[in-house]
Amino acid sequence: MDSVHIERAAAADAKEILALMKIIGGESDNLSFDSSGLPVTEEEEQAFLAGIEHSSREAFFVARKNEEIVGTAHYTVFPKARMSHRGTIGICLRKSACGQGIGTILMQTLLDFAKHTAHSEIVSLEVRSDNAGAIRLYKKFGFEKIGCFKGFFKINGSLINFDIMEKFL
């Protein structure tokens, strides 16, 4: 495998991240966006990344392969005091980067951040119920399905179910 490097995203990565989200959004119906990408400007993405760059409660990581960003991972703690022991994650990978262990590296990075930096006790996520590859990754790390959100997405008139999964740290 070519060298993969994981690092916290910086404001300077905003343009490349937004371009990547358009690619990934066009490759997959597993995300909340399509080939239009994220509904933010480059300046808004820069401000977001700059705002969390040194946060102990939220982190955005990028996976670089041959200097190109091929995946992202986001962790955030719930902001309300009674929920602040919990956080949520999201991982995005280009199709060309799937099956190479990059998702595993990103997941380990997120869980390390959640446990050792954010000091979270529970991590949760939502995953499309038919996304077998992602579910396999999450189960490998000890996530368990705790429910199903029926009709979480609506794509081309069809309701799509999502599994709700969690892991105690």
N, C-alpha and C. Protein backbone atom coordinates (compact mmCIF):
# COMPACT_ATOMS: atom_id res chain seq x y z
N MET A 1 0.85 -1.19 0.00
CA MET A 1 0.00 0.00 0.00
C MET A 1 0.88 1.24 0.00
N ASP A 2 0.49 2.21 -0.80
CA ASP A 2 1.17 3.49 -0.78
C ASP A 2 1.01 4.10 0.61
N SER A 3 1.92 4.98 0.95
CA SER A 3 1.91 5.61 2.26
C SER A 3 0.64 6.44 2.47
N VAL A 4 0.01 6.25 3.63
CA VAL A 4 -1.17 7.02 4.01
C VAL A 4 -0.80 7.79 5.27
N HIS A 5 -1.11 9.06 5.26
CA HIS A 5 -0.80 9.93 6.39
C HIS A 5 -2.10 10.56 6.89
N ILE A 6 -2.35 10.48 8.19
CA ILE A 6 -3.54 11.07 8.80
C ILE A 6 -3.10 12.29 9.59
N GLU A 7 -3.82 13.40 9.40
CA GLU A 7 -3.51 14.61 10.15
C GLU A 7 -4.78 15.41 10.36
N ARG A 8 -4.74 16.30 11.35
CA ARG A 8 -5.86 17.21 11.54
C ARG A 8 -5.90 18.16 10.36
N ALA A 9 -7.11 18.41 9.87
CA ALA A 9 -7.26 19.33 8.75
C ALA A 9 -6.98 20.75 9.21
N ALA A 10 -6.41 21.52 8.31
CA ALA A 10 -6.13 22.93 8.55
C ALA A 10 -6.99 23.76 7.60
N ALA A 11 -7.13 25.04 7.90
CA ALA A 11 -7.94 25.94 7.06
C ALA A 11 -7.48 25.89 5.61
N ALA A 12 -6.19 25.71 5.39
CA ALA A 12 -5.63 25.66 4.03
C ALA A 12 -6.14 24.46 3.23
N ASP A 13 -6.71 23.46 3.92
CA ASP A 13 -7.22 22.27 3.25
C ASP A 13 -8.65 22.44 2.73
N ALA A 14 -9.29 23.55 3.03
CA ALA A 14 -10.72 23.74 2.74
C ALA A 14 -11.06 23.49 1.28
N LYS A 15 -10.33 24.09 0.36
CA LYS A 15 -10.65 23.96 -1.06
C LYS A 15 -10.58 22.51 -1.51
N GLU A 16 -9.52 21.80 -1.10
CA GLU A 16 -9.36 20.40 -1.49
C GLU A 16 -10.43 19.52 -0.85
N ILE A 17 -10.80 19.81 0.39
CA ILE A 17 -11.85 19.03 1.06
C ILE A 17 -13.19 19.21 0.34
N LEU A 18 -13.53 20.45 0.01
CA LEU A 18 -14.80 20.70 -0.67
C LEU A 18 -14.84 20.03 -2.04
N ALA A 19 -13.73 20.04 -2.75
CA ALA A 19 -13.67 19.35 -4.05
C ALA A 19 -13.84 17.85 -3.86
N LEU A 20 -13.21 17.30 -2.84
CA LEU A 20 -13.32 15.88 -2.54
C LEU A 20 -14.76 15.50 -2.20
N MET A 21 -15.46 16.34 -1.44
CA MET A 21 -16.84 16.04 -1.07
C MET A 21 -17.74 15.98 -2.31
N LYS A 22 -17.46 16.77 -3.32
CA LYS A 22 -18.23 16.68 -4.56
C LYS A 22 -17.98 15.34 -5.25
N ILE A 23 -16.73 14.90 -5.24
CA ILE A 23 -16.39 13.60 -5.83
C ILE A 23 -17.07 12.47 -5.07
N ILE A 24 -16.88 12.45 -3.75
CA ILE A 24 -17.46 11.38 -2.94
C ILE A 24 -18.98 11.41 -3.01
N GLY A 25 -19.57 12.60 -2.96
CA GLY A 25 -21.02 12.73 -3.06
C GLY A 25 -21.57 12.17 -4.36
N GLY A 26 -20.78 12.27 -5.43
CA GLY A 26 -21.18 11.72 -6.72
C GLY A 26 -20.97 10.22 -6.83
N GLU A 27 -20.12 9.67 -5.96
CA GLU A 27 -19.82 8.23 -5.99
C GLU A 27 -20.75 7.40 -5.10
N SER A 28 -21.47 8.06 -4.20
CA SER A 28 -22.18 7.33 -3.16
C SER A 28 -23.52 7.97 -2.82
N ASP A 29 -24.49 7.13 -2.48
CA ASP A 29 -25.76 7.59 -1.93
C ASP A 29 -25.81 7.36 -0.42
N ASN A 30 -24.65 7.17 0.20
CA ASN A 30 -24.60 6.90 1.64
C ASN A 30 -24.45 8.16 2.47
N LEU A 31 -24.32 9.31 1.83
CA LEU A 31 -24.05 10.57 2.53
C LEU A 31 -25.23 11.51 2.44
N SER A 32 -25.22 12.55 3.25
CA SER A 32 -26.32 13.51 3.27
C SER A 32 -26.25 14.50 2.12
N PHE A 33 -25.26 14.38 1.26
CA PHE A 33 -25.09 15.27 0.11
C PHE A 33 -24.77 14.45 -1.13
N ASP A 34 -24.93 15.09 -2.29
CA ASP A 34 -24.66 14.41 -3.55
C ASP A 34 -23.48 15.07 -4.25
N SER A 35 -23.42 14.98 -5.56
CA SER A 35 -22.29 15.54 -6.31
C SER A 35 -22.21 17.06 -6.24
N SER A 36 -23.22 17.70 -5.66
CA SER A 36 -23.16 19.15 -5.42
C SER A 36 -22.21 19.46 -4.28
N GLY A 37 -21.90 18.47 -3.47
CA GLY A 37 -20.99 18.66 -2.35
C GLY A 37 -21.66 19.29 -1.15
N LEU A 38 -20.85 19.84 -0.28
CA LEU A 38 -21.35 20.46 0.94
C LEU A 38 -21.88 21.85 0.63
N PRO A 39 -22.94 22.26 1.31
CA PRO A 39 -23.54 23.57 1.04
C PRO A 39 -22.84 24.71 1.79
N VAL A 40 -21.53 24.80 1.63
CA VAL A 40 -20.76 25.86 2.28
C VAL A 40 -19.76 26.43 1.28
N THR A 41 -19.36 27.66 1.51
CA THR A 41 -18.35 28.28 0.67
C THR A 41 -16.96 27.88 1.16
N GLU A 42 -15.97 28.12 0.34
CA GLU A 42 -14.60 27.83 0.76
C GLU A 42 -14.24 28.64 2.00
N GLU A 43 -14.69 29.89 2.07
CA GLU A 43 -14.40 30.74 3.23
C GLU A 43 -15.07 30.19 4.49
N GLU A 44 -16.30 29.69 4.35
CA GLU A 44 -16.99 29.10 5.50
C GLU A 44 -16.28 27.84 5.97
N GLU A 45 -15.82 27.03 5.04
CA GLU A 45 -15.10 25.80 5.41
C GLU A 45 -13.77 26.15 6.08
N GLN A 46 -13.09 27.16 5.57
CA GLN A 46 -11.84 27.62 6.19
C GLN A 46 -12.09 28.06 7.63
N ALA A 47 -13.15 28.83 7.84
CA ALA A 47 -13.48 29.32 9.18
C ALA A 47 -13.82 28.16 10.11
N PHE A 48 -14.58 27.19 9.60
CA PHE A 48 -14.92 26.01 10.40
C PHE A 48 -13.65 25.27 10.83
N LEU A 49 -12.78 24.99 9.87
CA LEU A 49 -11.55 24.24 10.17
C LEU A 49 -10.64 25.02 11.11
N ALA A 50 -10.52 26.31 10.89
CA ALA A 50 -9.68 27.14 11.78
C ALA A 50 -10.26 27.15 13.19
N GLY A 51 -11.58 27.14 13.29
CA GLY A 51 -12.23 27.20 14.59
C GLY A 51 -12.08 25.95 15.43
N ILE A 52 -11.85 24.82 14.79
CA ILE A 52 -11.72 23.56 15.56
C ILE A 52 -10.30 22.99 15.52
N GLU A 53 -9.39 23.68 14.88
CA GLU A 53 -8.04 23.15 14.68
C GLU A 53 -7.36 22.70 15.97
N HIS A 54 -7.64 23.39 17.07
CA HIS A 54 -6.99 23.03 18.34
C HIS A 54 -8.01 22.62 19.41
N SER A 55 -9.23 22.32 18.97
CA SER A 55 -10.28 21.96 19.90
C SER A 55 -10.03 20.59 20.53
N SER A 56 -10.45 20.45 21.77
CA SER A 56 -10.39 19.15 22.43
C SER A 56 -11.76 18.48 22.41
N ARG A 57 -12.75 19.13 21.76
CA ARG A 57 -14.10 18.60 21.72
C ARG A 57 -14.56 18.23 20.32
N GLU A 58 -13.81 18.68 19.33
CA GLU A 58 -14.18 18.42 17.94
C GLU A 58 -12.90 18.36 17.12
N ALA A 59 -12.88 17.43 16.16
CA ALA A 59 -11.71 17.32 15.28
C ALA A 59 -12.14 16.86 13.90
N PHE A 60 -11.43 17.36 12.92
CA PHE A 60 -11.64 16.97 11.53
C PHE A 60 -10.30 16.51 11.00
N PHE A 61 -10.22 15.25 10.59
CA PHE A 61 -8.98 14.66 10.11
C PHE A 61 -9.06 14.41 8.61
N VAL A 62 -7.90 14.45 7.96
CA VAL A 62 -7.82 14.08 6.55
C VAL A 62 -6.84 12.92 6.41
N ALA A 63 -7.14 12.06 5.45
CA ALA A 63 -6.23 10.96 5.08
C ALA A 63 -5.61 11.34 3.75
N ARG A 64 -4.30 11.41 3.72
CA ARG A 64 -3.58 11.74 2.49
C ARG A 64 -2.86 10.50 1.99
N LYS A 65 -3.03 10.26 0.70
CA LYS A 65 -2.32 9.19 0.03
C LYS A 65 -1.62 9.84 -1.15
N ASN A 66 -0.31 9.71 -1.19
CA ASN A 66 0.48 10.38 -2.23
C ASN A 66 0.16 11.88 -2.28
N GLU A 67 0.09 12.50 -1.11
CA GLU A 67 -0.14 13.95 -0.95
C GLU A 67 -1.56 14.40 -1.29
N GLU A 68 -2.44 13.50 -1.72
CA GLU A 68 -3.80 13.86 -2.09
C GLU A 68 -4.76 13.41 -0.98
N ILE A 69 -5.70 14.28 -0.62
CA ILE A 69 -6.70 13.90 0.37
C ILE A 69 -7.67 12.91 -0.27
N VAL A 70 -7.77 11.72 0.34
CA VAL A 70 -8.66 10.67 -0.19
C VAL A 70 -9.77 10.31 0.79
N GLY A 71 -9.71 10.89 1.99
CA GLY A 71 -10.74 10.60 2.98
C GLY A 71 -10.73 11.61 4.09
N THR A 72 -11.87 11.67 4.79
CA THR A 72 -11.99 12.58 5.93
C THR A 72 -12.68 11.85 7.07
N ALA A 73 -12.48 12.37 8.27
CA ALA A 73 -13.13 11.82 9.45
C ALA A 73 -13.41 12.97 10.41
N HIS A 74 -14.60 12.98 10.98
CA HIS A 74 -15.03 14.07 11.85
C HIS A 74 -15.54 13.51 13.16
N TYR A 75 -15.15 14.13 14.25
CA TYR A 75 -15.65 13.77 15.58
C TYR A 75 -16.12 15.04 16.27
N THR A 76 -17.27 14.97 16.88
CA THR A 76 -17.74 16.10 17.66
C THR A 76 -18.49 15.62 18.89
N VAL A 77 -18.26 16.32 19.99
CA VAL A 77 -18.95 16.05 21.24
C VAL A 77 -20.29 16.79 21.19
N PHE A 78 -21.32 16.18 21.75
CA PHE A 78 -22.61 16.86 21.85
C PHE A 78 -22.45 18.07 22.77
N PRO A 79 -22.96 19.23 22.36
CA PRO A 79 -22.67 20.46 23.10
C PRO A 79 -23.44 20.65 24.40
N LYS A 80 -24.59 20.03 24.55
CA LYS A 80 -25.38 20.23 25.76
C LYS A 80 -24.77 19.46 26.93
N ALA A 81 -24.78 20.08 28.11
CA ALA A 81 -24.10 19.53 29.28
C ALA A 81 -24.52 18.09 29.59
N ARG A 82 -25.79 17.79 29.50
CA ARG A 82 -26.26 16.46 29.85
C ARG A 82 -25.95 15.42 28.79
N MET A 83 -25.43 15.88 27.65
CA MET A 83 -25.07 14.96 26.57
C MET A 83 -23.57 15.02 26.27
N SER A 84 -22.82 15.80 27.02
CA SER A 84 -21.42 16.06 26.69
C SER A 84 -20.49 14.87 26.94
N HIS A 85 -21.01 13.80 27.49
CA HIS A 85 -20.22 12.57 27.66
C HIS A 85 -20.24 11.73 26.39
N ARG A 86 -20.97 12.22 25.38
CA ARG A 86 -21.16 11.49 24.13
C ARG A 86 -20.63 12.29 22.95
N GLY A 87 -20.24 11.57 21.92
CA GLY A 87 -19.83 12.22 20.69
C GLY A 87 -20.32 11.42 19.51
N THR A 88 -20.19 12.01 18.34
CA THR A 88 -20.64 11.36 17.12
C THR A 88 -19.55 11.46 16.06
N ILE A 89 -19.53 10.48 15.16
CA ILE A 89 -18.49 10.42 14.14
C ILE A 89 -19.06 10.33 12.75
N GLY A 90 -18.22 10.66 11.79
CA GLY A 90 -18.51 10.47 10.38
C GLY A 90 -17.23 10.26 9.61
N ILE A 91 -17.24 9.34 8.68
CA ILE A 91 -16.07 9.05 7.84
C ILE A 91 -16.51 9.07 6.38
N CYS A 92 -15.71 9.70 5.54
CA CYS A 92 -15.94 9.72 4.09
C CYS A 92 -14.67 9.26 3.39
N LEU A 93 -14.83 8.37 2.42
CA LEU A 93 -13.69 7.87 1.64
C LEU A 93 -14.05 7.84 0.16
N ARG A 94 -13.09 8.20 -0.67
CA ARG A 94 -13.26 8.00 -2.11
C ARG A 94 -13.39 6.51 -2.37
N LYS A 95 -14.15 6.16 -3.38
CA LYS A 95 -14.28 4.73 -3.74
C LYS A 95 -12.92 4.12 -4.02
N SER A 96 -12.05 4.87 -4.68
CA SER A 96 -10.72 4.35 -5.03
C SER A 96 -9.86 4.08 -3.80
N ALA A 97 -10.26 4.63 -2.64
CA ALA A 97 -9.48 4.43 -1.41
C ALA A 97 -10.09 3.35 -0.52
N CYS A 98 -11.24 2.82 -0.89
CA CYS A 98 -11.90 1.79 -0.08
C CYS A 98 -11.15 0.47 -0.19
N GLY A 99 -11.22 -0.31 0.87
CA GLY A 99 -10.61 -1.64 0.88
C GLY A 99 -9.11 -1.64 1.05
N GLN A 100 -8.54 -0.51 1.45
CA GLN A 100 -7.08 -0.40 1.61
C GLN A 100 -6.67 -0.18 3.07
N GLY A 101 -7.62 -0.25 3.99
CA GLY A 101 -7.31 -0.06 5.40
C GLY A 101 -7.35 1.39 5.85
N ILE A 102 -7.69 2.30 4.95
CA ILE A 102 -7.71 3.73 5.31
C ILE A 102 -8.86 4.02 6.26
N GLY A 103 -10.01 3.40 6.03
CA GLY A 103 -11.14 3.57 6.96
C GLY A 103 -10.78 3.10 8.35
N THR A 104 -10.04 2.01 8.45
CA THR A 104 -9.61 1.48 9.74
C THR A 104 -8.70 2.48 10.45
N ILE A 105 -7.77 3.07 9.72
CA ILE A 105 -6.85 4.05 10.30
C ILE A 105 -7.62 5.29 10.76
N LEU A 106 -8.56 5.75 9.93
CA LEU A 106 -9.37 6.91 10.31
C LEU A 106 -10.20 6.61 11.55
N MET A 107 -10.81 5.42 11.60
CA MET A 107 -11.63 5.06 12.76
C MET A 107 -10.78 5.02 14.03
N GLN A 108 -9.61 4.43 13.95
CA GLN A 108 -8.74 4.37 15.13
C GLN A 108 -8.35 5.77 15.58
N THR A 109 -8.09 6.65 14.63
CA THR A 109 -7.75 8.04 14.95
C THR A 109 -8.91 8.72 15.66
N LEU A 110 -10.14 8.54 15.16
CA LEU A 110 -11.32 9.14 15.79
C LEU A 110 -11.52 8.62 17.21
N LEU A 111 -11.41 7.31 17.37
CA LEU A 111 -11.63 6.73 18.70
C LEU A 111 -10.55 7.14 19.69
N ASP A 112 -9.32 7.26 19.23
CA ASP A 112 -8.24 7.75 20.10
C ASP A 112 -8.53 9.19 20.54
N PHE A 113 -8.96 10.02 19.59
CA PHE A 113 -9.31 11.40 19.92
C PHE A 113 -10.47 11.43 20.91
N ALA A 114 -11.51 10.65 20.64
CA ALA A 114 -12.70 10.63 21.50
C ALA A 114 -12.35 10.24 22.93
N LYS A 115 -11.52 9.23 23.06
CA LYS A 115 -11.19 8.72 24.40
C LYS A 115 -10.17 9.59 25.12
N HIS A 116 -9.08 9.93 24.46
CA HIS A 116 -7.95 10.55 25.13
C HIS A 116 -7.95 12.08 25.10
N THR A 117 -8.61 12.67 24.14
CA THR A 117 -8.63 14.13 24.05
C THR A 117 -9.99 14.69 24.46
N ALA A 118 -11.06 14.16 23.89
CA ALA A 118 -12.41 14.65 24.21
C ALA A 118 -12.94 14.04 25.52
N HIS A 119 -12.32 12.95 25.95
CA HIS A 119 -12.73 12.24 27.17
C HIS A 119 -14.20 11.82 27.13
N SER A 120 -14.62 11.37 25.96
CA SER A 120 -15.98 10.89 25.78
C SER A 120 -16.13 9.48 26.35
N GLU A 121 -17.36 9.15 26.72
CA GLU A 121 -17.66 7.83 27.25
C GLU A 121 -18.39 6.96 26.22
N ILE A 122 -19.13 7.60 25.32
CA ILE A 122 -19.92 6.89 24.31
C ILE A 122 -19.73 7.59 22.97
N VAL A 123 -19.57 6.78 21.92
CA VAL A 123 -19.49 7.30 20.56
C VAL A 123 -20.64 6.68 19.77
N SER A 124 -21.35 7.51 19.01
CA SER A 124 -22.46 7.00 18.22
C SER A 124 -22.31 7.42 16.77
N LEU A 125 -23.09 6.76 15.93
CA LEU A 125 -23.08 7.07 14.50
C LEU A 125 -24.36 6.57 13.88
N GLU A 126 -24.65 7.08 12.69
CA GLU A 126 -25.73 6.57 11.87
C GLU A 126 -25.11 6.08 10.57
N VAL A 127 -25.57 4.94 10.09
CA VAL A 127 -25.04 4.35 8.87
C VAL A 127 -26.19 3.75 8.07
N ARG A 128 -26.15 3.96 6.79
CA ARG A 128 -27.17 3.40 5.92
C ARG A 128 -27.25 1.89 6.17
N SER A 129 -28.46 1.40 6.37
CA SER A 129 -28.66 0.00 6.79
C SER A 129 -28.12 -1.01 5.79
N ASP A 130 -27.99 -0.63 4.52
CA ASP A 130 -27.48 -1.56 3.51
C ASP A 130 -26.01 -1.29 3.15
N ASN A 131 -25.32 -0.48 3.94
CA ASN A 131 -23.91 -0.18 3.69
C ASN A 131 -23.05 -1.22 4.43
N ALA A 132 -22.99 -2.41 3.85
CA ALA A 132 -22.34 -3.55 4.51
C ALA A 132 -20.88 -3.30 4.84
N GLY A 133 -20.15 -2.63 3.96
CA GLY A 133 -18.73 -2.38 4.20
C GLY A 133 -18.52 -1.50 5.41
N ALA A 134 -19.28 -0.42 5.53
CA ALA A 134 -19.14 0.48 6.67
C ALA A 134 -19.57 -0.22 7.95
N ILE A 135 -20.66 -0.96 7.90
CA ILE A 135 -21.14 -1.67 9.09
C ILE A 135 -20.09 -2.68 9.56
N ARG A 136 -19.46 -3.36 8.62
CA ARG A 136 -18.40 -4.31 8.97
C ARG A 136 -17.26 -3.60 9.70
N LEU A 137 -16.86 -2.42 9.21
CA LEU A 137 -15.81 -1.64 9.86
C LEU A 137 -16.23 -1.25 11.28
N TYR A 138 -17.44 -0.76 11.43
CA TYR A 138 -17.89 -0.31 12.75
C TYR A 138 -17.97 -1.47 13.73
N LYS A 139 -18.46 -2.62 13.27
CA LYS A 139 -18.52 -3.80 14.15
C LYS A 139 -17.13 -4.26 14.54
N LYS A 140 -16.17 -4.15 13.63
CA LYS A 140 -14.78 -4.52 13.92
C LYS A 140 -14.25 -3.73 15.11
N PHE A 141 -14.72 -2.51 15.27
CA PHE A 141 -14.29 -1.66 16.37
C PHE A 141 -15.21 -1.73 17.58
N GLY A 142 -16.17 -2.64 17.56
CA GLY A 142 -17.01 -2.86 18.73
C GLY A 142 -18.30 -2.06 18.77
N PHE A 143 -18.66 -1.40 17.68
CA PHE A 143 -19.94 -0.71 17.64
C PHE A 143 -21.06 -1.74 17.56
N GLU A 144 -22.17 -1.43 18.23
CA GLU A 144 -23.34 -2.30 18.20
C GLU A 144 -24.54 -1.51 17.72
N LYS A 145 -25.37 -2.18 16.94
CA LYS A 145 -26.62 -1.57 16.48
C LYS A 145 -27.58 -1.46 17.66
N ILE A 146 -28.11 -0.25 17.87
CA ILE A 146 -29.05 -0.06 18.97
C ILE A 146 -30.43 0.34 18.47
N GLY A 147 -30.56 0.51 17.14
CA GLY A 147 -31.86 0.86 16.60
C GLY A 147 -31.79 1.13 15.12
N CYS A 148 -32.95 1.42 14.56
CA CYS A 148 -33.05 1.74 13.14
C CYS A 148 -33.92 2.98 13.00
N PHE A 149 -33.41 3.95 12.26
CA PHE A 149 -34.18 5.15 11.94
C PHE A 149 -34.77 4.93 10.55
N LYS A 150 -36.05 4.61 10.52
CA LYS A 150 -36.71 4.33 9.24
C LYS A 150 -36.93 5.64 8.49
N GLY A 151 -36.58 5.63 7.21
CA GLY A 151 -36.76 6.82 6.39
C GLY A 151 -35.82 7.96 6.73
N PHE A 152 -34.64 7.66 7.19
CA PHE A 152 -33.64 8.68 7.57
C PHE A 152 -33.31 9.57 6.39
N PHE A 153 -33.15 8.98 5.20
CA PHE A 153 -32.94 9.72 3.95
C PHE A 153 -34.13 9.49 3.04
N LYS A 154 -34.31 10.41 2.11
CA LYS A 154 -35.25 10.21 1.02
C LYS A 154 -34.49 10.56 -0.25
N ILE A 155 -34.25 9.54 -1.08
CA ILE A 155 -33.49 9.72 -2.32
C ILE A 155 -34.35 9.25 -3.49
N ASN A 156 -34.54 10.13 -4.44
CA ASN A 156 -35.36 9.82 -5.62
C ASN A 156 -36.70 9.21 -5.24
N GLY A 157 -37.33 9.75 -4.20
CA GLY A 157 -38.65 9.29 -3.79
C GLY A 157 -38.66 8.06 -2.89
N SER A 158 -37.49 7.45 -2.67
CA SER A 158 -37.42 6.25 -1.84
C SER A 158 -36.91 6.59 -0.44
N LEU A 159 -37.57 6.04 0.58
CA LEU A 159 -37.11 6.21 1.95
C LEU A 159 -36.01 5.21 2.25
N ILE A 160 -34.95 5.69 2.86
CA ILE A 160 -33.77 4.87 3.14
C ILE A 160 -33.58 4.77 4.65
N ASN A 161 -33.47 3.55 5.15
CA ASN A 161 -33.27 3.31 6.58
C ASN A 161 -31.80 3.42 6.96
N PHE A 162 -31.57 3.88 8.18
CA PHE A 162 -30.23 3.96 8.74
C PHE A 162 -30.20 3.24 10.07
N ASP A 163 -29.10 2.51 10.32
CA ASP A 163 -28.88 1.90 11.63
C ASP A 163 -28.24 2.94 12.54
N ILE A 164 -28.63 2.91 13.79
CA ILE A 164 -28.00 3.73 14.81
C ILE A 164 -27.08 2.78 15.59
N MET A 165 -25.81 3.16 15.69
CA MET A 165 -24.83 2.30 16.35
C MET A 165 -24.10 3.11 17.42
N GLU A 166 -23.62 2.40 18.45
CA GLU A 166 -22.86 3.07 19.50
C GLU A 166 -21.78 2.16 20.04
N LYS A 167 -20.83 2.80 20.67
CA LYS A 167 -19.72 2.09 21.32
C LYS A 167 -19.40 2.80 22.63
N PHE A 168 -19.26 2.03 23.69
CA PHE A 168 -18.81 2.59 24.97
C PHE A 168 -17.29 2.52 24.99
N LEU A 169 -16.67 3.60 25.36
CA LEU A 169 -15.19 3.66 25.39
C LEU A 169 -14.64 3.20 26.73
